[in-house]
C-alpha atoms as a PDB file:
ATOM      1  CA  MET A   1     -31.561 -33.600  34.258  1.00  0.00           C
ATOM      2  CA  ASP A   2     -33.762 -32.948  37.303  1.00  0.00           C
ATOM      3  CA  ASP A   3     -36.392 -30.259  36.703  1.00  0.00           C
ATOM      4  CA  VAL A   4     -37.120 -28.905  40.163  1.00  0.00           C
ATOM      5  CA  ARG A   5     -40.834 -28.226  40.733  1.00  0.00           C
ATOM      6  CA  ALA A   6     -42.562 -26.645  43.727  1.00  0.00           C
ATOM      7  CA  ALA A   7     -44.299 -29.971  44.427  1.00  0.00           C
ATOM      8  CA  ASN A   8     -41.027 -31.834  44.964  1.00  0.00           C
ATOM      9  CA  LEU A   9     -38.899 -29.031  46.400  1.00  0.00           C
ATOM     10  CA  PRO A  10     -37.612 -29.818  49.888  1.00  0.00           C
ATOM     11  CA  ALA A  11     -39.046 -27.340  52.426  1.00  0.00           C
ATOM     12  CA  ALA A  12     -35.554 -26.156  53.362  1.00  0.00           C
ATOM     13  CA  GLY A  13     -34.166 -26.218  49.813  1.00  0.00           C
ATOM     14  CA  TYR A  14     -31.233 -28.351  48.788  1.00  0.00           C
ATOM     15  CA  ALA A  15     -28.098 -28.994  50.796  1.00  0.00           C
ATOM     16  CA  LEU A  16     -24.775 -28.953  48.979  1.00  0.00           C
ATOM     17  CA  GLU A  17     -24.689 -32.772  49.045  1.00  0.00           C
ATOM     18  CA  ASP A  18     -28.021 -32.981  47.185  1.00  0.00           C
ATOM     19  CA  LEU A  19     -26.954 -30.916  44.172  1.00  0.00           C
ATOM     20  CA  ALA A  20     -25.852 -32.345  40.833  1.00  0.00           C
ATOM     21  CA  VAL A  21     -24.900 -30.927  37.466  1.00  0.00           C
ATOM     22  CA  GLY A  22     -27.982 -30.541  35.276  1.00  0.00           C
ATOM     23  CA  MET A  23     -30.510 -29.765  38.006  1.00  0.00           C
ATOM     24  CA  THR A  24     -32.666 -26.818  36.970  1.00  0.00           C
ATOM     25  CA  ALA A  25     -35.438 -24.640  38.376  1.00  0.00           C
ATOM     26  CA  ALA A  26     -37.438 -21.671  37.162  1.00  0.00           C
ATOM     27  CA  TYR A  27     -39.564 -18.810  38.426  1.00  0.00           C
ATOM     28  CA  GLU A  28     -42.048 -16.886  36.276  1.00  0.00           C
ATOM     29  CA  HIS A  29     -43.461 -13.407  36.786  1.00  0.00           C
ATOM     30  CA  VAL A  30     -45.654 -11.154  34.645  1.00  0.00           C
ATOM     31  CA  VAL A  31     -44.196  -7.658  34.955  1.00  0.00           C
ATOM     32  CA  THR A  32     -46.783  -4.992  35.790  1.00  0.00           C
ATOM     33  CA  GLU A  33     -46.862  -1.222  35.652  1.00  0.00           C
ATOM     34  CA  GLN A  34     -46.841  -1.250  39.443  1.00  0.00           C
ATOM     35  CA  ASP A  35     -43.660  -3.389  39.470  1.00  0.00           C
ATOM     36  CA  VAL A  36     -41.852  -0.840  37.285  1.00  0.00           C
ATOM     37  CA  VAL A  37     -42.998   2.150  39.344  1.00  0.00           C
ATOM     38  CA  LYS A  38     -42.090   0.443  42.643  1.00  0.00           C
ATOM     39  CA  PHE A  39     -38.686  -0.596  41.296  1.00  0.00           C
ATOM     40  CA  ALA A  40     -38.016   2.985  40.171  1.00  0.00           C
ATOM     41  CA  ASP A  41     -38.979   4.238  43.646  1.00  0.00           C
ATOM     42  CA  ILE A  42     -36.855   1.658  45.475  1.00  0.00           C
ATOM     43  CA  SER A  43     -33.796   1.833  43.203  1.00  0.00           C
ATOM     44  CA  GLY A  44     -33.944   5.536  42.361  1.00  0.00           C
ATOM     45  CA  ASP A  45     -33.581   4.635  38.660  1.00  0.00           C
ATOM     46  CA  ARG A  46     -36.012   7.060  37.060  1.00  0.00           C
ATOM     47  CA  ASN A  47     -34.674   6.787  33.522  1.00  0.00           C
ATOM     48  CA  PRO A  48     -37.550   8.023  31.327  1.00  0.00           C
ATOM     49  CA  VAL A  49     -37.182   4.998  29.021  1.00  0.00           C
ATOM     50  CA  HIS A  50     -38.816   3.063  31.881  1.00  0.00           C
ATOM     51  CA  LEU A  51     -41.414   5.613  33.011  1.00  0.00           C
ATOM     52  CA  ASP A  52     -42.305   8.045  30.196  1.00  0.00           C
ATOM     53  CA  GLU A  53     -44.073   6.537  27.174  1.00  0.00           C
ATOM     54  CA  ALA A  54     -43.672   9.661  24.987  1.00  0.00           C
ATOM     55  CA  TYR A  55     -39.943   9.778  25.683  1.00  0.00           C
ATOM     56  CA  ALA A  56     -39.536   6.018  25.208  1.00  0.00           C
ATOM     57  CA  ARG A  57     -41.380   6.017  21.862  1.00  0.00           C
ATOM     58  CA  ALA A  58     -38.636   8.276  20.479  1.00  0.00           C
ATOM     59  CA  THR A  59     -35.897   5.796  21.453  1.00  0.00           C
ATOM     60  CA  ARG A  60     -34.639   2.746  19.591  1.00  0.00           C
ATOM     61  CA  PHE A  61     -37.008   0.671  21.769  1.00  0.00           C
ATOM     62  CA  LYS A  62     -40.123   2.447  20.389  1.00  0.00           C
ATOM     63  CA  GLY A  63     -41.781   2.285  23.813  1.00  0.00           C
ATOM     64  CA  ARG A  64     -41.177   1.796  27.504  1.00  0.00           C
ATOM     65  CA  ILE A  65     -38.946  -1.019  28.687  1.00  0.00           C
ATOM     66  CA  VAL A  66     -38.641  -2.674  32.083  1.00  0.00           C
ATOM     67  CA  HIS A  67     -35.510  -2.000  34.137  1.00  0.00           C
ATOM     68  CA  GLY A  68     -32.962  -4.684  33.271  1.00  0.00           C
ATOM     69  CA  MET A  69     -32.111  -5.166  36.921  1.00  0.00           C
ATOM     70  CA  LEU A  70     -35.778  -5.747  37.774  1.00  0.00           C
ATOM     71  CA  SER A  71     -35.847  -8.670  35.361  1.00  0.00           C
ATOM     72  CA  ALA A  72     -32.457  -9.880  36.623  1.00  0.00           C
ATOM     73  CA  SER A  73     -33.768  -9.835  40.202  1.00  0.00           C
ATOM     74  CA  PHE A  74     -35.894 -12.873  39.322  1.00  0.00           C
ATOM     75  CA  PHE A  75     -32.664 -14.902  39.388  1.00  0.00           C
ATOM     76  CA  SER A  76     -32.398 -14.073  43.087  1.00  0.00           C
ATOM     77  CA  THR A  77     -35.960 -15.323  43.609  1.00  0.00           C
ATOM     78  CA  THR A  78     -35.199 -18.566  41.797  1.00  0.00           C
ATOM     79  CA  ILE A  79     -31.937 -19.158  43.642  1.00  0.00           C
ATOM     80  CA  ALA A  80     -33.265 -18.297  47.111  1.00  0.00           C
ATOM     81  CA  SER A  81     -36.607 -20.072  46.866  1.00  0.00           C
ATOM     82  CA  ARG A  82     -36.134 -22.940  44.399  1.00  0.00           C
ATOM     83  CA  LEU A  83     -32.555 -23.978  43.586  1.00  0.00           C
ATOM     84  CA  PRO A  84     -30.469 -24.301  45.616  1.00  0.00           C
ATOM     85  CA  GLY A  85     -32.983 -22.659  47.988  1.00  0.00           C
ATOM     86  CA  PRO A  86     -33.076 -20.962  51.391  1.00  0.00           C
ATOM     87  CA  GLY A  87     -29.666 -20.322  52.945  1.00  0.00           C
ATOM     88  CA  THR A  88     -27.940 -19.856  49.577  1.00  0.00           C
ATOM     89  CA  ILE A  89     -25.656 -16.816  49.428  1.00  0.00           C
ATOM     90  CA  TYR A  90     -24.856 -14.958  46.199  1.00  0.00           C
ATOM     91  CA  LEU A  91     -21.138 -14.463  45.529  1.00  0.00           C
ATOM     92  CA  THR A  92     -21.104 -13.272  41.901  1.00  0.00           C
ATOM     93  CA  GLN A  93     -23.529 -12.718  39.029  1.00  0.00           C
ATOM     94  CA  ASN A  94     -22.573 -12.000  35.425  1.00  0.00           C
ATOM     95  CA  LEU A  95     -25.319 -10.610  33.188  1.00  0.00           C
ATOM     96  CA  SER A  96     -25.655  -9.953  29.468  1.00  0.00           C
ATOM     97  CA  PHE A  97     -28.798  -8.054  28.508  1.00  0.00           C
ATOM     98  CA  ARG A  98     -29.922  -9.380  25.112  1.00  0.00           C
ATOM     99  CA  ALA A  99     -33.415  -7.963  24.492  1.00  0.00           C
ATOM    100  CA  PRO A 100     -35.853  -5.615  26.233  1.00  0.00           C
ATOM    101  CA  VAL A 101     -38.656  -6.690  28.540  1.00  0.00           C
ATOM    102  CA  ARG A 102     -41.982  -4.849  28.302  1.00  0.00           C
ATOM    103  CA  ILE A 103     -44.752  -4.294  30.822  1.00  0.00           C
ATOM    104  CA  GLY A 104     -47.082  -7.278  30.539  1.00  0.00           C
ATOM    105  CA  ASP A 105     -44.333  -9.721  29.529  1.00  0.00           C
ATOM    106  CA  ARG A 106     -44.097 -13.048  31.342  1.00  0.00           C
ATOM    107  CA  VAL A 107     -40.443 -13.409  32.335  1.00  0.00           C
ATOM    108  CA  GLU A 108     -39.065 -16.853  33.107  1.00  0.00           C
ATOM    109  CA  ALA A 109     -35.853 -16.878  35.156  1.00  0.00           C
ATOM    110  CA  ARG A 110     -34.161 -20.277  34.979  1.00  0.00           C
ATOM    111  CA  VAL A 111     -31.064 -21.483  36.792  1.00  0.00           C
ATOM    112  CA  THR A 112     -29.175 -24.653  35.965  1.00  0.00           C
ATOM    113  CA  VAL A 113     -26.382 -26.241  37.992  1.00  0.00           C
ATOM    114  CA  ILE A 114     -23.283 -26.390  35.797  1.00  0.00           C
ATOM    115  CA  ASP A 115     -20.677 -27.206  38.462  1.00  0.00           C
ATOM    116  CA  VAL A 116     -20.607 -28.227  42.109  1.00  0.00           C
ATOM    117  CA  ILE A 117     -17.386 -27.354  43.946  1.00  0.00           C
ATOM    118  CA  ARG A 118     -17.945 -29.413  47.072  1.00  0.00           C
ATOM    119  CA  ASP A 119     -14.678 -28.660  48.897  1.00  0.00           C
ATOM    120  CA  LYS A 120     -15.506 -24.921  48.811  1.00  0.00           C
ATOM    121  CA  ALA A 121     -19.312 -25.240  49.201  1.00  0.00           C
ATOM    122  CA  ARG A 122     -19.780 -23.386  45.927  1.00  0.00           C
ATOM    123  CA  VAL A 123     -22.144 -23.980  43.033  1.00  0.00           C
ATOM    124  CA  LEU A 124     -21.875 -22.450  39.568  1.00  0.00           C
ATOM    125  CA  LEU A 125     -25.226 -21.770  37.907  1.00  0.00           C
ATOM    126  CA  LYS A 126     -26.169 -20.894  34.337  1.00  0.00           C
ATOM    127  CA  THR A 127     -28.753 -18.094  34.540  1.00  0.00           C
ATOM    128  CA  VAL A 128     -31.166 -17.319  31.690  1.00  0.00           C
ATOM    129  CA  CYS A 129     -34.235 -15.073  31.542  1.00  0.00           C
ATOM    130  CA  LYS A 130     -36.639 -15.563  28.653  1.00  0.00           C
ATOM    131  CA  VAL A 131     -39.797 -13.947  27.403  1.00  0.00           C
ATOM    132  CA  GLY A 132     -41.369 -16.700  25.337  1.00  0.00           C
ATOM    133  CA  ALA A 133     -38.562 -18.131  23.214  1.00  0.00           C
ATOM    134  CA  THR A 134     -36.505 -14.912  23.360  1.00  0.00           C
ATOM    135  CA  VAL A 135     -33.496 -14.823  25.674  1.00  0.00           C
ATOM    136  CA  VAL A 136     -33.576 -11.401  27.331  1.00  0.00           C
ATOM    137  CA  ILE A 137     -30.758 -11.965  29.848  1.00  0.00           C
ATOM    138  CA  ASP A 138     -28.105 -14.617  30.117  1.00  0.00           C
ATOM    139  CA  GLY A 139     -25.162 -15.144  32.382  1.00  0.00           C
ATOM    140  CA  ASP A 140     -23.892 -17.183  35.289  1.00  0.00           C
ATOM    141  CA  ALA A 141     -23.798 -16.990  39.054  1.00  0.00           C
ATOM    142  CA  LEU A 142     -21.556 -18.384  41.743  1.00  0.00           C
ATOM    143  CA  VAL A 143     -23.313 -19.135  45.010  1.00  0.00           C
ATOM    144  CA  MET A 144     -22.379 -20.545  48.389  1.00  0.00           C
ATOM    145  CA  VAL A 145     -24.625 -23.411  49.501  1.00  0.00           C
ATOM    146  CA  PRO A 146     -24.742 -24.701  53.065  1.00  0.00           C
ATOM    147  CA  PRO A 147     -23.999 -28.393  53.628  1.00  0.00           C
ATOM    148  CA  ARG A 148     -26.520 -30.633  55.357  1.00  0.00           C
ATOM    149  CA  GLY A 149     -26.641 -30.210  59.144  1.00  0.00           C
END
């Protein structure tokens, strides 16, 4: 398995011909209060479970939680900037939200190549977000990857 690191990432990402099953890459981000507020402003999702501590304390989560789609957006970062990289186009993304993310959590979004469909220029990726050892989101994505040249 090839663990893609920033130090060995090609400047233009990977071409379809360079991809193999098992390659993996990750992106990490510590979610801040400002991230949550900006995401609420941009998305229009002002659910009080994300923004109002008093309201959120009375829910099953016992406190504010980060928008699930904010955490899931880190898959897009990983795919577009690490693996496969620039030029990759999202086709589908399946998500299962498993556990909440809190402000201050370090979220790791990891993608792993699970199939390369060369004749269609498609790549199937396993997508997993974790906070520590806890899987908070899992799923898969189908992306279109440009060939070399």
